[in-house]
Amino acid sequence: MADKQTVQQILDTIPLRYRGPGGAAAVLKDGELIGQRVWGYADVDQRIPLTPEIRMPICSITKQFVCALLIDLQRNPTPAMLAKGDIHSQFTDEFRELVRPELTQDTGLTLDNLCDMQSGLRDYWAMTTLWGTKPEDEFLVERDCPPMVDRTTSFHFKPGTEFSYCNVNFYLVARVIERVTGETLGKLLAERILEPAGMKTAFLCPDNAKLPPPCLGYEGTEDTGFVPALNRMEWSGDAGLTASLIDMIAWERHLDGLFADSGSWYHKVAQGTTYSDGTPADYHYGMSRISLDGVVTLGHGGALRGYRIHRRHALHERLSVVVMFNHDAAADAAVEDIMRAILNKPKPVYAPVEPSSAWIGSFLDPETQLSITVTKGSITGELVVAYEGSPETIKLTDAIHGENPSISASIDEDILHMHRISENRKLVARRLVPNDTSFKNNLIPGDYECEEIKSVFHCVGEAGMLYGSFDGYLGQGTATAMKYLGDDVWALRNPRGLDAPAPGDWTVVFHRDESGAIIGFKIGCWLARGIDFIKV
């Protein structure tokens, strides 16, 4: 384990490697601060330096706080809850009242599924694209979330069987908490979680247009220039907390102490969980489990346009790392770099392997109806896989096999095999073959409707240059280009959305009748899949 001087030297490398307007990082060992680095500006135009006291939105890291609150309320109910009787029933009854009956009748869906990202529900920040939002549109909790819940009527996999990141899970958990207690989420978090943890300036700030000054989040790069990011959406439960580096140091100190207490909520969460088939799951109650060469860590990241935050705790080594950026650099990678350097756990080295040419191309998973595009990486022996919203890199172990900590994959001519370990999913995808049938007679353009989610899709264009846009209860969305992948499969580009990062490309699989006419399509992305539209 590195000493304090070495830790400081490690932290001093981060600003140069993750360049941007500003950042903050801290390292704790055995619950005590052993290294801290704060650099750059909270506001570059006003030349306001970033300091440890300046707050940023911690975004999805909020999820673990909400889970801590849920466990605390179940163990230490309010007097009003005690007066109502059985505590467990209060939560399950309010959950059933909140959502459509189709989601809870004979489906097996539970609050635990929500907290473990095993609900099978589609992510609502991705779905806002299909409901007609533009990236800088306003989205309000009280106005726009009830229609969202009303339009959430089905699953994209059976609850408990897989992992899929879904913010609607934690929006629902937070609303159930408020309905059971009759109190606001912000008040409950402050009294039961933030104050006991010593987070003196942290608070719930659902409105991203009203984040506390002076810190601004920035989009862009040094090459394009950094500009202040515009965020006009609210979230409450799935995100919403804002905190300073000092607050996050207090949280890490608090968690380290809780892990030593076998009766604490954190110790309970650290024991992990499984899927319904008994396979261990990497996500449990707002925490993701990552092993760094045998070192078990729990943590989570947070992202908003212009901000990237990550925190991680090596449980048995009692080592915590926090990184906060007010720009879009990869805070999770910075945390891993710091933690590996301190633990002397360098990233595994793979011998350069030339990939089989069969890897390169686009494939379709017939079960999820999602495309997978594989390209060569920037380094010999690396491949870039586009399946989630963000590209993933795998290292080749030989010409036809590759892996990273959460994926193993192989290519067999035109068949791509992939085990997505962290999602509990094995897929077998077939190669998509470009041909002229998707362009013939310009049959694709037109209007399409989805009755389930109340959305209309407009497709326009010709000669293979097509554009798609959605109308829904949130408005009329931006027209974006479509890219042909092969067969009757297209990608609808979605580089920017309300949430950050955006959903990425949507896979659009067109369907034909016996005469060859286009009659509809199935659309999906990793966050929200299996949605059918019919041509009108």
Protein backbone atom coordinates (compact mmCIF):
# COMPACT_ATOMS: atom_id res chain seq x y z
CA MET A 1 0.00 0.00 0.00
CA ALA A 2 1.41 3.41 -1.00
CA ASP A 3 2.42 5.97 1.64
CA LYS A 4 1.01 9.51 1.82
CA GLN A 5 3.76 11.04 -0.27
CA THR A 6 3.28 8.47 -3.02
CA VAL A 7 -0.51 8.94 -2.90
CA GLN A 8 -0.06 12.67 -3.41
CA GLN A 9 2.25 12.05 -6.35
CA ILE A 10 -0.36 9.75 -7.88
CA LEU A 11 -3.08 12.39 -7.44
CA ASP A 12 -0.82 15.01 -9.01
CA THR A 13 -0.87 13.06 -12.30
CA ILE A 14 -4.67 13.18 -12.66
CA PRO A 15 -5.25 16.80 -13.85
CA LEU A 16 -2.90 16.37 -16.80
CA ARG A 17 -4.33 12.97 -17.79
CA TYR A 18 -8.00 14.01 -17.48
CA ARG A 19 -7.87 17.54 -18.83
CA GLY A 20 -10.72 19.99 -18.40
CA PRO A 21 -11.89 23.10 -16.56
CA GLY A 22 -11.57 21.65 -13.04
CA GLY A 23 -11.56 18.65 -10.79
CA ALA A 24 -11.23 17.33 -7.27
CA ALA A 25 -9.99 14.02 -5.89
CA ALA A 26 -9.50 12.47 -2.48
CA VAL A 27 -8.10 9.24 -1.05
CA LEU A 28 -8.94 7.77 2.35
CA LYS A 29 -7.28 4.85 4.13
CA ASP A 30 -8.83 3.28 7.24
CA GLY A 31 -11.38 6.09 7.24
CA GLU A 32 -8.79 8.87 7.32
CA LEU A 33 -7.88 11.32 4.55
CA ILE A 34 -4.38 10.57 3.22
CA GLY A 35 -4.42 12.55 -0.03
CA GLN A 36 -6.37 15.34 -1.72
CA ARG A 37 -6.00 17.29 -4.96
CA VAL A 38 -8.21 20.14 -6.22
CA TRP A 39 -7.38 22.03 -9.41
CA GLY A 40 -8.74 24.32 -12.09
CA TYR A 41 -11.86 26.44 -12.11
CA ALA A 42 -15.44 26.16 -10.96
CA ASP A 43 -16.28 28.94 -13.44
CA VAL A 44 -13.73 29.69 -16.16
CA ASP A 45 -15.35 32.94 -17.35
CA GLN A 46 -15.44 34.43 -13.86
CA ARG A 47 -12.08 32.80 -12.98
CA ILE A 48 -13.48 31.28 -9.80
CA PRO A 49 -11.11 28.52 -8.60
CA LEU A 50 -12.55 25.17 -7.64
CA THR A 51 -12.23 24.45 -3.91
CA PRO A 52 -13.04 21.44 -1.68
CA GLU A 53 -16.07 23.35 -0.33
CA ILE A 54 -17.72 23.96 -3.73
CA ARG A 55 -20.63 21.66 -4.45
CA MET A 56 -21.37 19.66 -7.59
CA PRO A 57 -24.30 17.40 -8.45
CA ILE A 58 -23.33 13.80 -7.60
CA CYS A 59 -26.10 12.54 -9.87
CA SER A 60 -26.63 8.74 -9.79
CA ILE A 61 -24.49 8.31 -6.68
CA THR A 62 -27.72 9.52 -5.06
CA LYS A 63 -29.14 6.02 -5.60
CA GLN A 64 -27.13 4.49 -2.75
CA PHE A 65 -28.36 7.20 -0.39
CA VAL A 66 -31.97 6.42 -1.31
CA CYS A 67 -31.34 2.72 -0.70
CA ALA A 68 -29.76 3.52 2.66
CA LEU A 69 -32.87 5.53 3.51
CA LEU A 70 -35.19 2.69 2.47
CA ILE A 71 -33.34 0.21 4.71
CA ASP A 72 -33.31 2.68 7.60
CA LEU A 73 -37.06 3.27 7.35
CA GLN A 74 -37.72 -0.46 7.29
CA ARG A 75 -35.56 -0.96 10.38
CA ASN A 76 -36.51 2.26 12.19
CA PRO A 77 -40.03 3.23 11.09
CA THR A 78 -41.50 6.61 11.91
CA PRO A 79 -44.19 6.72 14.62
CA ALA A 80 -46.81 7.24 11.91
CA MET A 81 -45.60 4.11 10.10
CA LEU A 82 -45.70 2.07 13.31
CA ALA A 83 -49.27 3.19 13.88
CA LYS A 84 -50.31 1.81 10.47
CA GLY A 85 -49.13 -1.74 11.19
CA ASP A 86 -47.01 -4.07 9.09
CA ILE A 87 -44.09 -2.09 7.64
CA HIS A 88 -43.32 -4.38 4.70
CA SER A 89 -46.94 -4.27 3.54
CA GLN A 90 -46.94 -0.47 3.60
CA PHE A 91 -44.13 -0.36 1.06
CA THR A 92 -45.49 -3.08 -1.21
CA ASP A 93 -49.03 -1.66 -1.10
CA GLU A 94 -47.88 1.85 -2.01
CA PHE A 95 -45.74 0.45 -4.82
CA ARG A 96 -48.73 -1.37 -6.28
CA GLU A 97 -50.82 1.77 -6.04
CA LEU A 98 -48.17 3.85 -7.78
CA VAL A 99 -47.59 1.79 -10.93
CA ARG A 100 -49.84 0.22 -13.54
CA PRO A 101 -51.34 -3.14 -12.45
CA GLU A 102 -49.75 -4.86 -15.45
CA LEU A 103 -46.38 -4.45 -13.72
CA THR A 104 -47.21 -6.14 -10.43
CA GLN A 105 -49.91 -8.72 -11.17
CA ASP A 106 -48.25 -12.14 -11.38
CA THR A 107 -44.94 -10.68 -12.59
CA GLY A 108 -42.83 -11.17 -9.47
CA LEU A 109 -41.66 -7.54 -9.57
CA THR A 110 -40.45 -6.34 -6.15
CA LEU A 111 -38.85 -3.26 -4.62
CA ASP A 112 -35.66 -5.31 -4.31
CA ASN A 113 -35.68 -5.77 -8.10
CA LEU A 114 -35.82 -1.99 -8.44
CA CYS A 115 -32.93 -1.41 -6.04
CA ASP A 116 -30.84 -4.10 -7.78
CA MET A 117 -31.47 -2.90 -11.38
CA GLN A 118 -33.22 -6.20 -12.09
CA SER A 119 -36.71 -4.81 -12.71
CA GLY A 120 -36.80 -5.28 -16.48
CA LEU A 121 -38.35 -1.81 -16.81
CA ARG A 122 -37.18 0.51 -19.58
CA ASP A 123 -35.14 3.54 -18.56
CA TYR A 124 -37.25 6.67 -18.75
CA TRP A 125 -34.40 9.01 -19.63
CA ALA A 126 -33.86 6.94 -22.77
CA MET A 127 -37.61 6.79 -23.41
CA THR A 128 -37.88 10.58 -23.36
CA THR A 129 -36.33 10.49 -26.84
CA LEU A 130 -39.31 8.46 -28.06
CA TRP A 131 -41.64 10.89 -26.29
CA GLY A 132 -40.39 13.86 -28.26
CA THR A 133 -37.76 15.65 -26.17
CA LYS A 134 -34.89 17.77 -27.39
CA PRO A 135 -31.58 17.72 -25.45
CA GLU A 136 -32.10 21.11 -23.79
CA ASP A 137 -35.84 20.70 -23.10
CA GLU A 138 -37.36 21.15 -19.67
CA PHE A 139 -38.46 18.02 -17.80
CA LEU A 140 -40.29 18.51 -14.49
CA VAL A 141 -40.92 15.80 -11.89
CA GLU A 142 -44.46 16.73 -10.92
CA ARG A 143 -45.60 17.56 -14.46
CA ASP A 144 -43.82 14.99 -16.59
CA CYS A 145 -43.20 11.91 -14.42
CA PRO A 146 -46.85 10.85 -13.85
CA PRO A 147 -47.47 10.49 -17.62
CA MET A 148 -44.19 8.57 -17.82
CA VAL A 149 -45.33 6.11 -15.15
CA ASP A 150 -48.70 5.74 -16.90
CA ARG A 151 -46.89 4.82 -20.15
CA THR A 152 -44.68 2.26 -18.40
CA THR A 153 -46.75 -0.87 -18.95
CA SER A 154 -44.37 -3.72 -19.85
CA PHE A 155 -40.88 -5.13 -19.38
CA HIS A 156 -37.97 -5.77 -21.71
CA PHE A 157 -37.01 -8.84 -19.68
CA LYS A 158 -38.53 -10.84 -16.83
CA PRO A 159 -37.89 -9.21 -13.42
CA GLY A 160 -35.02 -10.76 -11.51
CA THR A 161 -33.37 -12.47 -14.46
CA GLU A 162 -30.95 -9.82 -15.78
CA PHE A 163 -29.33 -6.46 -15.11
CA SER A 164 -30.28 -3.34 -17.04
CA TYR A 165 -29.60 0.17 -15.82
CA CYS A 166 -32.91 1.93 -15.25
CA ASN A 167 -33.45 5.29 -13.58
CA VAL A 168 -37.19 4.80 -13.31
CA ASN A 169 -36.44 2.16 -10.65
CA PHE A 170 -35.16 4.76 -8.22
CA TYR A 171 -37.70 7.40 -9.14
CA LEU A 172 -40.33 4.84 -8.06
CA VAL A 173 -38.49 3.84 -4.87
CA ALA A 174 -38.28 7.50 -3.84
CA ARG A 175 -41.98 8.10 -4.49
CA VAL A 176 -42.91 4.97 -2.51
CA ILE A 177 -40.81 6.26 0.41
CA GLU A 178 -42.60 9.61 0.31
CA ARG A 179 -46.04 8.00 0.12
CA VAL A 180 -45.33 5.63 3.02
CA THR A 181 -43.87 8.30 5.31
CA GLY A 182 -45.86 11.35 4.22
CA GLU A 183 -42.57 13.31 4.20
CA THR A 184 -40.39 14.67 1.42
CA LEU A 185 -37.37 12.77 0.16
CA GLY A 186 -35.08 15.75 0.77
CA LYS A 187 -36.11 16.06 4.43
CA LEU A 188 -35.75 12.32 5.07
CA LEU A 189 -32.33 12.12 3.42
CA ALA A 190 -31.08 15.12 5.40
CA GLU A 191 -32.26 13.83 8.78
CA ARG A 192 -31.57 10.12 8.44
CA ILE A 193 -28.58 9.85 6.08
CA LEU A 194 -26.70 13.08 5.35
CA GLU A 195 -26.53 14.54 8.86
CA PRO A 196 -25.48 11.28 10.56
CA ALA A 197 -22.75 10.92 7.92
CA GLY A 198 -21.42 14.43 8.63
CA MET A 199 -22.22 15.72 5.13
CA LYS A 200 -22.85 19.26 6.35
CA THR A 201 -23.45 21.04 3.03
CA ALA A 202 -24.97 18.25 0.92
CA PHE A 203 -28.66 18.49 0.06
CA LEU A 204 -31.24 17.26 -2.44
CA CYS A 205 -31.48 19.67 -5.40
CA PRO A 206 -33.83 18.06 -7.94
CA ASP A 207 -33.79 20.97 -10.40
CA ASN A 208 -30.61 20.95 -12.47
CA ALA A 209 -31.35 24.47 -13.67
CA LYS A 210 -30.94 25.68 -10.06
CA LEU A 211 -27.73 24.00 -8.92
CA PRO A 212 -25.91 25.97 -6.21
CA PRO A 213 -23.29 28.44 -7.51
CA PRO A 214 -20.54 28.99 -8.34
CA CYS A 215 -19.70 25.70 -10.08
CA LEU A 216 -20.62 25.21 -13.73
CA GLY A 217 -20.47 21.98 -15.73
CA TYR A 218 -18.80 22.12 -19.14
CA GLU A 219 -19.27 20.27 -22.42
CA GLY A 220 -16.61 20.02 -25.10
CA THR A 221 -12.90 19.34 -25.39
CA GLU A 222 -9.73 21.38 -25.52
CA ASP A 223 -9.83 21.07 -29.32
CA THR A 224 -13.44 22.28 -29.69
CA GLY A 225 -13.46 24.52 -26.64
CA PHE A 226 -15.40 24.11 -23.39
CA VAL A 227 -18.85 25.69 -23.08
CA PRO A 228 -21.26 25.69 -20.10
CA ALA A 229 -23.69 22.78 -20.30
CA LEU A 230 -27.39 23.56 -20.24
CA ASN A 231 -29.50 21.27 -18.04
CA ARG A 232 -33.21 21.97 -17.51
CA MET A 233 -34.43 18.66 -16.14
CA GLU A 234 -35.44 17.57 -12.67
CA TRP A 235 -34.81 14.24 -11.01
CA SER A 236 -35.56 13.04 -7.53
CA GLY A 237 -34.45 9.65 -6.25
CA ASP A 238 -32.60 8.41 -9.30
CA ALA A 239 -30.32 11.43 -8.76
CA GLY A 240 -30.57 14.90 -7.22
CA LEU A 241 -28.02 15.16 -4.41
CA THR A 242 -25.39 17.88 -4.60
CA ALA A 243 -22.26 17.71 -2.46
CA SER A 244 -18.75 19.09 -2.05
CA LEU A 245 -15.53 17.10 -1.93
CA ILE A 246 -15.54 17.66 1.84
CA ASP A 247 -19.02 16.12 1.99
CA MET A 248 -17.89 13.11 -0.06
CA ILE A 249 -14.86 12.62 2.19
CA ALA A 250 -17.28 12.49 5.13
CA TRP A 251 -19.37 9.90 3.27
CA GLU A 252 -16.35 7.67 2.64
CA ARG A 253 -15.33 7.93 6.29
CA HIS A 254 -18.90 7.04 7.29
CA LEU A 255 -19.06 4.01 4.98
CA ASP A 256 -15.73 2.69 6.20
CA GLY A 257 -17.05 2.74 9.75
CA LEU A 258 -20.34 1.14 8.74
CA PHE A 259 -18.64 -1.75 6.99
CA ALA A 260 -17.02 -2.75 10.28
CA ASP A 261 -20.51 -3.03 11.83
CA SER A 262 -22.09 -6.34 10.78
CA GLY A 263 -25.53 -4.95 11.62
CA SER A 264 -25.29 -1.84 9.43
CA TRP A 265 -27.15 -1.27 6.18
CA TYR A 266 -23.85 -0.92 4.32
CA HIS A 267 -22.52 -4.24 5.59
CA LYS A 268 -25.80 -5.80 4.41
CA VAL A 269 -25.42 -4.28 0.95
CA ALA A 270 -21.77 -5.37 0.76
CA GLN A 271 -22.81 -9.03 1.03
CA GLY A 272 -24.24 -8.78 -2.48
CA THR A 273 -27.18 -10.51 -4.08
CA THR A 274 -28.03 -12.91 -6.92
CA TYR A 275 -30.29 -13.19 -9.92
CA SER A 276 -33.30 -15.47 -9.77
CA ASP A 277 -31.22 -18.33 -11.22
CA GLY A 278 -28.72 -18.05 -8.36
CA THR A 279 -25.97 -16.36 -10.37
CA PRO A 280 -24.15 -13.67 -8.33
CA ALA A 281 -25.11 -10.13 -9.34
CA ASP A 282 -22.69 -7.20 -9.44
CA TYR A 283 -25.24 -4.53 -8.53
CA HIS A 284 -27.07 -4.34 -5.22
CA TYR A 285 -28.96 -1.47 -3.59
CA GLY A 286 -27.33 1.37 -5.50
CA MET A 287 -23.79 -0.06 -5.42
CA SER A 288 -21.83 -1.78 -8.19
CA ARG A 289 -19.29 -4.46 -7.29
CA ILE A 290 -16.03 -4.43 -9.26
CA SER A 291 -13.03 -6.65 -8.63
CA LEU A 292 -9.61 -5.15 -9.35
CA ASP A 293 -7.49 -8.29 -9.66
CA GLY A 294 -9.05 -9.80 -6.55
CA VAL A 295 -9.62 -6.55 -4.66
CA VAL A 296 -13.37 -6.27 -4.06
CA THR A 297 -14.71 -2.74 -4.41
CA LEU A 298 -18.14 -1.15 -4.06
CA GLY A 299 -19.03 2.15 -5.66
CA HIS A 300 -21.01 4.08 -8.23
CA GLY A 301 -20.69 6.86 -10.74
CA GLY A 302 -22.76 9.88 -11.58
CA ALA A 303 -23.20 11.84 -14.80
CA LEU A 304 -24.98 14.97 -15.86
CA ARG A 305 -24.18 16.97 -18.95
CA GLY A 306 -20.98 18.77 -17.91
CA TYR A 307 -20.26 16.66 -14.80
CA ARG A 308 -18.70 13.26 -14.11
CA ILE A 309 -18.37 11.92 -10.54
CA HIS A 310 -17.21 8.53 -9.23
CA ARG A 311 -16.55 7.02 -5.82
CA ARG A 312 -15.28 3.55 -4.90
CA HIS A 313 -14.40 1.70 -1.68
CA ALA A 314 -12.05 -1.28 -1.49
CA LEU A 315 -13.80 -3.05 1.36
CA HIS A 316 -11.15 -5.16 3.04
CA GLU A 317 -8.23 -2.85 2.20
CA ARG A 318 -10.26 0.04 3.66
CA LEU A 319 -9.26 2.28 0.78
CA SER A 320 -11.64 4.88 -0.71
CA VAL A 321 -11.21 7.09 -3.78
CA VAL A 322 -13.45 9.95 -4.94
CA VAL A 323 -13.08 11.92 -8.20
CA MET A 324 -15.28 14.88 -9.20
CA PHE A 325 -15.02 16.60 -12.62
CA ASN A 326 -16.98 19.61 -13.87
CA HIS A 327 -16.49 18.32 -17.42
CA ASP A 328 -17.11 15.09 -19.31
CA ALA A 329 -13.86 13.20 -18.69
CA ALA A 330 -14.08 9.62 -17.41
CA ALA A 331 -14.14 9.90 -13.62
CA ASP A 332 -14.52 6.13 -13.27
CA ALA A 333 -11.28 5.56 -15.19
CA ALA A 334 -9.51 8.13 -13.01
CA VAL A 335 -10.70 6.37 -9.85
CA GLU A 336 -9.50 3.03 -11.18
CA ASP A 337 -6.12 4.50 -12.14
CA ILE A 338 -5.65 5.97 -8.66
CA MET A 339 -6.78 2.84 -6.87
CA ARG A 340 -4.62 0.51 -8.97
CA ALA A 341 -1.56 2.71 -8.48
CA ILE A 342 -2.02 2.82 -4.70
CA LEU A 343 -2.65 -0.93 -4.47
CA ASN A 344 0.15 -1.71 -6.95
CA LYS A 345 -2.35 -3.49 -9.19
CA PRO A 346 -1.42 -2.46 -12.74
CA LYS A 347 -3.89 -3.23 -15.49
CA PRO A 348 -3.39 -6.67 -17.05
CA VAL A 349 -1.04 -6.66 -20.03
CA TYR A 350 -2.13 -8.52 -23.14
CA ALA A 351 0.21 -9.53 -25.92
CA PRO A 352 -0.73 -7.77 -29.17
CA VAL A 353 -2.88 -10.11 -31.24
CA GLU A 354 -4.06 -9.41 -34.76
CA PRO A 355 -7.84 -9.94 -34.83
CA SER A 356 -9.58 -12.23 -37.26
CA SER A 357 -11.20 -10.18 -40.01
CA ALA A 358 -14.49 -11.88 -39.13
CA TRP A 359 -14.84 -9.62 -36.07
CA ILE A 360 -15.37 -6.45 -38.07
CA GLY A 361 -18.97 -5.59 -38.94
CA SER A 362 -22.46 -5.28 -37.52
CA PHE A 363 -24.45 -8.09 -35.93
CA LEU A 364 -28.01 -8.52 -34.63
CA ASP A 365 -28.97 -10.28 -31.41
CA PRO A 366 -32.28 -11.97 -32.33
CA GLU A 367 -33.58 -12.01 -28.74
CA THR A 368 -33.12 -8.36 -27.82
CA GLN A 369 -33.23 -7.16 -31.45
CA LEU A 370 -30.24 -4.94 -30.71
CA SER A 371 -27.33 -4.41 -33.05
CA ILE A 372 -23.70 -4.90 -32.10
CA THR A 373 -21.02 -3.18 -34.17
CA VAL A 374 -17.40 -4.26 -33.83
CA THR A 375 -14.45 -2.19 -35.06
CA LYS A 376 -10.69 -2.28 -34.56
CA GLY A 377 -9.35 -0.38 -31.58
CA SER A 378 -6.55 2.16 -31.62
CA ILE A 379 -4.09 -0.47 -30.34
CA THR A 380 -3.32 -3.80 -31.95
CA GLY A 381 -5.15 -6.50 -30.02
CA GLU A 382 -8.08 -4.28 -29.03
CA LEU A 383 -11.61 -4.25 -30.43
CA VAL A 384 -14.32 -1.66 -29.82
CA VAL A 385 -17.81 -3.03 -29.28
CA ALA A 386 -20.83 -0.73 -29.67
CA TYR A 387 -23.81 -2.28 -27.86
CA GLU A 388 -24.40 -0.16 -24.77
CA GLY A 389 -24.72 3.59 -25.05
CA SER A 390 -20.93 3.94 -24.76
CA PRO A 391 -18.39 1.89 -26.76
CA GLU A 392 -16.63 -0.87 -24.82
CA THR A 393 -13.08 -2.10 -25.43
CA ILE A 394 -12.18 -5.79 -25.30
CA LYS A 395 -8.67 -7.23 -25.36
CA LEU A 396 -7.94 -10.17 -27.62
CA THR A 397 -6.58 -13.32 -26.00
CA ASP A 398 -6.21 -14.87 -29.46
CA ALA A 399 -7.45 -14.04 -32.94
CA ILE A 400 -11.05 -15.09 -32.27
CA HIS A 401 -11.48 -14.56 -28.49
CA GLY A 402 -11.60 -11.34 -26.47
CA GLU A 403 -12.52 -10.14 -23.01
CA ASN A 404 -12.72 -7.38 -20.44
CA PRO A 405 -13.82 -7.63 -16.80
CA SER A 406 -17.53 -7.71 -17.74
CA ILE A 407 -17.54 -9.30 -21.21
CA SER A 408 -16.18 -12.40 -22.90
CA ALA A 409 -16.68 -12.76 -26.63
CA SER A 410 -15.72 -14.91 -29.59
CA ILE A 411 -16.30 -14.87 -33.33
CA ASP A 412 -17.19 -17.90 -35.44
CA GLU A 413 -17.35 -16.71 -39.04
CA ASP A 414 -20.68 -14.85 -39.20
CA ILE A 415 -21.78 -15.60 -35.62
CA LEU A 416 -20.76 -13.42 -32.67
CA HIS A 417 -20.96 -15.04 -29.24
CA MET A 418 -20.94 -12.70 -26.26
CA HIS A 419 -21.33 -13.34 -22.54
CA ARG A 420 -22.20 -10.07 -20.85
CA ILE A 421 -21.25 -11.23 -17.38
CA SER A 422 -22.43 -8.19 -15.42
CA GLU A 423 -25.85 -8.36 -17.10
CA ASN A 424 -26.34 -12.12 -16.74
CA ARG A 425 -26.94 -12.38 -20.48
CA LYS A 426 -25.48 -14.64 -23.15
CA LEU A 427 -26.22 -13.65 -26.71
CA VAL A 428 -25.60 -15.17 -30.11
CA ALA A 429 -25.72 -12.55 -32.84
CA ARG A 430 -25.71 -13.03 -36.61
CA ARG A 431 -23.86 -10.84 -39.06
CA LEU A 432 -25.91 -8.20 -40.86
CA VAL A 433 -25.37 -8.27 -44.61
CA PRO A 434 -25.83 -5.05 -46.59
CA ASN A 435 -28.08 -5.37 -49.63
CA ASP A 436 -30.30 -3.10 -51.68
CA THR A 437 -33.68 -4.34 -50.38
CA SER A 438 -33.80 -1.72 -47.62
CA PHE A 439 -33.46 1.01 -50.26
CA LYS A 440 -35.62 -0.52 -52.97
CA ASN A 441 -38.58 1.65 -54.01
CA ASN A 442 -37.96 3.90 -50.99
CA LEU A 443 -40.49 1.90 -48.92
CA ILE A 444 -39.22 2.88 -45.47
CA PRO A 445 -40.13 6.59 -45.25
CA GLY A 446 -43.51 7.34 -43.67
CA ASP A 447 -45.24 7.65 -40.31
CA TYR A 448 -45.31 4.94 -37.64
CA GLU A 449 -47.19 4.69 -34.34
CA CYS A 450 -46.69 2.84 -31.05
CA GLU A 451 -49.92 2.54 -29.11
CA GLU A 452 -48.26 1.19 -25.95
CA ILE A 453 -46.06 4.22 -25.28
CA LYS A 454 -48.18 6.75 -27.23
CA SER A 455 -45.43 7.77 -29.67
CA VAL A 456 -45.32 8.64 -33.37
CA PHE A 457 -42.19 8.20 -35.51
CA HIS A 458 -41.63 10.17 -38.70
CA CYS A 459 -39.14 8.85 -41.24
CA VAL A 460 -38.18 11.03 -44.21
CA GLY A 461 -35.52 10.92 -46.90
CA GLU A 462 -34.51 9.04 -50.00
CA ALA A 463 -31.59 7.28 -51.69
CA GLY A 464 -30.58 5.77 -48.34
CA MET A 465 -30.20 9.13 -46.55
CA LEU A 466 -32.98 8.83 -43.99
CA TYR A 467 -33.88 10.89 -40.93
CA GLY A 468 -36.08 9.98 -38.00
CA SER A 469 -37.94 12.01 -35.37
CA PHE A 470 -40.47 11.30 -32.63
CA ASP A 471 -43.60 13.04 -31.39
CA GLY A 472 -44.96 12.31 -27.92
CA TYR A 473 -46.35 13.86 -24.79
CA LEU A 474 -43.09 15.76 -24.24
CA GLY A 475 -43.07 17.48 -27.63
CA GLN A 476 -41.63 17.14 -31.11
CA GLY A 477 -38.11 15.77 -31.05
CA THR A 478 -35.06 16.55 -33.13
CA ALA A 479 -34.70 14.89 -36.54
CA THR A 480 -31.54 12.78 -36.53
CA ALA A 481 -29.79 10.78 -39.22
CA MET A 482 -30.23 7.04 -39.66
CA LYS A 483 -27.38 4.71 -40.60
CA TYR A 484 -27.86 1.52 -42.59
CA LEU A 485 -26.31 -1.56 -40.94
CA GLY A 486 -27.50 -4.41 -43.17
CA ASP A 487 -30.55 -6.52 -44.02
CA ASP A 488 -33.52 -4.40 -42.86
CA VAL A 489 -31.68 -3.07 -39.81
CA TRP A 490 -30.80 0.59 -39.29
CA ALA A 491 -29.30 2.64 -36.48
CA LEU A 492 -31.04 5.84 -35.41
CA ARG A 493 -28.36 8.14 -34.07
CA ASN A 494 -28.93 9.61 -30.59
CA PRO A 495 -25.67 11.33 -29.56
CA ARG A 496 -27.35 13.80 -27.19
CA GLY A 497 -30.31 13.37 -24.88
CA LEU A 498 -31.82 14.83 -21.73
CA ASP A 499 -29.68 12.60 -19.52
CA ALA A 500 -25.93 12.10 -19.84
CA PRO A 501 -24.52 10.10 -21.36
CA ALA A 502 -27.19 9.86 -24.07
CA PRO A 503 -28.75 6.48 -25.01
CA GLY A 504 -26.48 6.14 -28.03
CA ASP A 505 -27.74 4.55 -31.24
CA TRP A 506 -31.17 2.95 -31.33
CA THR A 507 -31.50 -0.24 -33.39
CA VAL A 508 -34.43 -0.11 -35.81
CA VAL A 509 -35.44 -3.49 -37.27
CA PHE A 510 -38.00 -3.06 -40.05
CA HIS A 511 -40.63 -5.71 -40.78
CA ARG A 512 -42.23 -6.59 -44.12
CA ASP A 513 -45.41 -8.36 -45.14
CA GLU A 514 -45.57 -11.19 -47.68
CA SER A 515 -45.52 -8.74 -50.57
CA GLY A 516 -42.34 -7.11 -49.31
CA ALA A 517 -43.98 -3.90 -48.10
CA ILE A 518 -42.67 -2.31 -44.90
CA ILE A 519 -45.37 -2.65 -42.20
CA GLY A 520 -43.54 -1.58 -39.04
CA PHE A 521 -40.41 -1.92 -36.96
CA LYS A 522 -39.06 -2.87 -33.55
CA ILE A 523 -36.80 -0.30 -31.89
CA GLY A 524 -34.54 -0.51 -28.89
CA CYS A 525 -31.31 0.47 -27.19
CA TRP A 526 -29.53 -1.13 -24.23
CA LEU A 527 -31.56 0.99 -21.78
CA ALA A 528 -34.96 0.47 -23.44
CA ARG A 529 -35.69 -2.25 -25.94
CA GLY A 530 -38.44 -4.29 -27.58
CA ILE A 531 -40.82 -1.46 -28.59
CA ASP A 532 -43.05 -2.04 -31.63
CA PHE A 533 -44.21 0.61 -34.10
CA ILE A 534 -46.75 0.05 -36.89
CA LYS A 535 -46.75 1.95 -40.19
CA VAL A 536 -49.83 4.11 -40.72
